[in-house]
């Protein structure tokens, strides 16, 4: 089962814990070449790489703060240099960035949240699509597991619009380059 994952080059952003690390374990179990990513190098990141290598995959850790566009580009450059290309991209990096009532939100918090959640997914995908060598098809996924979302709530509807916006931008950009993004 999933033999088609053997040797596939997979980059998962925000993958040092939780859902990102769980996905990395699954890909490694099926023989994929997995790139983990986090903002900081920690003892846990090396432990995760060792674990994935023991599961049958080939893994490496790539440190980058994806709230910054230049680090998104650096991540893709480092990943494709290491693994020789990219087949699957999972944009899992993101988070709340802080908790404040609407009346207390300032430009700094807004910019931080947008950079962490929107800029990271958009810019990593942009550089992944335009990097060479790369497969004709990239699988890209936006993180949409926010625990504070209740289906049907106002937050859920806003989040759904955000994810559709990012996916729409990525699809338009990739089609201009003759690439296919799912």
Protein backbone atom coordinates (compact mmCIF):
# COMPACT_ATOMS: atom_id res chain seq x y z
CA UNK A 1 0.00 0.00 0.00
CA UNK A 2 1.23 3.52 -0.84
CA UNK A 3 4.24 2.18 -2.74
CA UNK A 4 3.96 5.25 -4.96
CA UNK A 5 5.27 7.33 -2.03
CA UNK A 6 8.63 5.54 -2.02
CA UNK A 7 11.31 8.05 -2.97
CA UNK A 8 8.89 10.99 -3.23
CA UNK A 9 10.37 14.26 -2.01
CA UNK A 10 8.09 15.74 0.65
CA UNK A 11 8.48 19.06 2.49
CA UNK A 12 6.23 19.70 5.49
CA UNK A 13 6.41 23.15 7.06
CA UNK A 14 5.73 23.48 10.77
CA UNK A 15 6.50 19.82 11.25
CA UNK A 16 8.40 19.53 14.53
CA UNK A 17 5.29 18.47 16.49
CA UNK A 18 1.59 17.70 16.21
CA UNK A 19 -0.12 17.14 12.88
CA UNK A 20 2.97 18.08 10.84
CA UNK A 21 5.16 15.50 12.58
CA UNK A 22 2.41 12.88 12.34
CA UNK A 23 2.22 13.42 8.58
CA UNK A 24 6.01 13.21 8.33
CA UNK A 25 5.97 9.86 10.14
CA UNK A 26 3.40 8.50 7.72
CA UNK A 27 5.38 9.58 4.65
CA UNK A 28 8.63 8.19 6.14
CA UNK A 29 6.95 4.85 6.90
CA UNK A 30 6.26 4.56 3.17
CA UNK A 31 9.81 5.39 2.10
CA UNK A 32 9.51 9.10 1.26
CA UNK A 33 12.29 11.66 1.51
CA UNK A 34 10.93 14.01 4.16
CA UNK A 35 11.99 17.54 4.99
CA UNK A 36 11.01 18.79 8.44
CA UNK A 37 10.83 22.50 9.12
CA UNK A 38 10.67 24.68 12.20
CA UNK A 39 11.66 28.18 13.30
CA UNK A 40 14.36 26.93 15.63
CA UNK A 41 16.77 24.02 15.78
CA UNK A 42 15.99 22.07 18.95
CA UNK A 43 17.03 18.69 20.36
CA UNK A 44 13.52 17.49 19.46
CA UNK A 45 14.05 18.35 15.79
CA UNK A 46 17.10 16.06 15.59
CA UNK A 47 15.21 13.35 17.50
CA UNK A 48 12.40 13.60 14.94
CA UNK A 49 14.85 13.28 12.03
CA UNK A 50 16.42 10.20 13.64
CA UNK A 51 12.97 8.68 14.19
CA UNK A 52 11.94 9.23 10.56
CA UNK A 53 15.16 7.70 9.27
CA UNK A 54 14.50 4.60 11.40
CA UNK A 55 10.97 4.34 9.99
CA UNK A 56 12.36 3.76 6.51
CA UNK A 57 12.38 7.25 5.08
CA UNK A 58 15.19 9.67 4.46
CA UNK A 59 14.79 12.80 6.57
CA UNK A 60 16.46 16.14 7.13
CA UNK A 61 15.62 19.25 9.14
CA UNK A 62 15.54 22.72 7.60
CA UNK A 63 15.39 25.71 9.95
CA UNK A 64 13.52 28.77 8.65
CA UNK A 65 11.17 31.42 10.04
CA UNK A 66 8.46 31.33 7.38
CA UNK A 67 6.93 34.64 8.45
CA UNK A 68 9.75 36.16 6.36
CA UNK A 69 9.74 35.84 2.57
CA UNK A 70 13.52 35.54 2.24
CA UNK A 71 13.50 32.59 4.62
CA UNK A 72 10.73 30.92 2.60
CA UNK A 73 12.99 31.14 -0.44
CA UNK A 74 15.99 29.92 1.56
CA UNK A 75 13.97 26.92 2.79
CA UNK A 76 13.02 25.85 -0.74
CA UNK A 77 16.59 26.36 -1.99
CA UNK A 78 18.03 24.28 0.86
CA UNK A 79 15.41 21.54 0.46
CA UNK A 80 15.75 21.20 -3.32
CA UNK A 81 19.55 21.29 -3.07
CA UNK A 82 19.47 18.49 -0.51
CA UNK A 83 16.85 16.23 -2.13
CA UNK A 84 17.19 17.25 -5.79
CA UNK A 85 13.65 18.55 -6.24
CA UNK A 86 10.22 18.60 -4.65
CA UNK A 87 7.15 16.43 -5.25
CA UNK A 88 4.86 17.19 -2.31
CA UNK A 89 4.51 20.38 -0.26
CA UNK A 90 2.40 20.52 2.86
CA UNK A 91 2.01 24.05 4.26
CA UNK A 92 1.41 23.29 7.91
CA UNK A 93 3.20 26.25 9.53
CA UNK A 94 0.90 28.69 11.28
CA UNK A 95 -0.73 29.61 14.53
CA UNK A 96 -2.67 32.23 16.44
CA UNK A 97 0.30 34.54 16.98
CA UNK A 98 -1.35 36.03 20.04
CA UNK A 99 -4.69 36.47 21.75
CA UNK A 100 -6.30 39.89 21.93
CA UNK A 101 -9.80 41.20 21.69
CA UNK A 102 -10.65 42.97 18.44
CA UNK A 103 -10.42 46.37 20.12
CA UNK A 104 -6.84 45.60 21.21
CA UNK A 105 -5.44 44.35 17.90
CA UNK A 106 -2.73 46.63 16.54
CA UNK A 107 -0.78 46.62 13.27
CA UNK A 108 2.09 44.62 14.77
CA UNK A 109 -0.16 41.72 15.86
CA UNK A 110 -2.12 41.79 12.60
CA UNK A 111 1.08 41.73 10.54
CA UNK A 112 2.51 38.90 12.66
CA UNK A 113 -0.62 36.74 12.28
CA UNK A 114 -0.86 37.38 8.53
CA UNK A 115 2.85 36.74 7.97
CA UNK A 116 2.75 33.53 10.00
CA UNK A 117 -0.38 32.11 8.37
CA UNK A 118 -0.86 33.68 4.93
CA UNK A 119 2.58 34.86 3.83
CA UNK A 120 4.22 31.58 4.84
CA UNK A 121 1.85 29.40 2.77
CA UNK A 122 1.82 31.71 -0.22
CA UNK A 123 5.55 32.43 -0.40
CA UNK A 124 6.72 28.87 0.27
CA UNK A 125 4.41 27.65 -2.48
CA UNK A 126 5.56 30.44 -4.81
CA UNK A 127 9.22 29.49 -4.41
CA UNK A 128 8.41 25.77 -4.60
CA UNK A 129 6.58 26.21 -7.89
CA UNK A 130 9.31 28.31 -9.47
CA UNK A 131 12.24 26.27 -8.16
CA UNK A 132 14.16 23.87 -10.40
CA UNK A 133 14.36 20.98 -10.71
CA UNK A 134 10.82 20.26 -9.69
CA UNK A 135 8.10 17.83 -10.65
CA UNK A 136 5.42 18.95 -13.06
CA UNK A 137 2.86 18.51 -10.30
CA UNK A 138 3.04 19.76 -6.70
CA UNK A 139 0.66 18.82 -3.94
CA UNK A 140 0.17 21.80 -1.68
CA UNK A 141 -2.07 21.95 1.34
CA UNK A 142 -2.91 24.88 3.62
CA UNK A 143 -3.15 24.20 7.32
CA UNK A 144 -6.78 24.19 8.30
CA UNK A 145 -6.85 22.31 11.60
CA UNK A 146 -7.20 25.34 13.86
CA UNK A 147 -8.61 24.00 17.11
CA UNK A 148 -10.58 27.16 17.82
CA UNK A 149 -12.77 26.72 14.75
CA UNK A 150 -16.24 25.28 15.16
CA UNK A 151 -17.84 24.34 11.84
CA UNK A 152 -20.47 26.91 11.02
CA UNK A 153 -19.14 29.55 13.41
CA UNK A 154 -18.14 33.02 12.18
CA UNK A 155 -14.48 32.12 12.73
CA UNK A 156 -14.90 28.97 10.64
CA UNK A 157 -16.38 30.95 7.74
CA UNK A 158 -13.56 33.50 7.88
CA UNK A 159 -10.94 30.73 7.99
CA UNK A 160 -12.59 28.96 5.07
CA UNK A 161 -12.43 32.17 3.02
CA UNK A 162 -8.77 32.62 3.95
CA UNK A 163 -7.87 29.08 2.84
CA UNK A 164 -9.80 29.49 -0.42
CA UNK A 165 -8.03 32.81 -1.07
CA UNK A 166 -4.57 31.29 -0.58
CA UNK A 167 -5.41 28.24 -2.68
CA UNK A 168 -6.86 30.45 -5.41
CA UNK A 169 -3.76 32.63 -5.54
CA UNK A 170 -1.50 29.59 -5.68
CA UNK A 171 -3.57 27.96 -8.44
CA UNK A 172 -3.52 31.11 -10.59
CA UNK A 173 0.22 31.62 -10.14
CA UNK A 174 1.05 27.99 -10.87
CA UNK A 175 -1.11 27.82 -13.98
CA UNK A 176 0.81 30.79 -15.41
CA UNK A 177 3.97 28.71 -15.05
CA UNK A 178 2.43 25.58 -16.58
CA UNK A 179 2.53 23.74 -13.26
CA UNK A 180 -0.36 21.92 -11.63
CA UNK A 181 -1.14 22.41 -7.94
CA UNK A 182 -3.70 20.34 -6.05
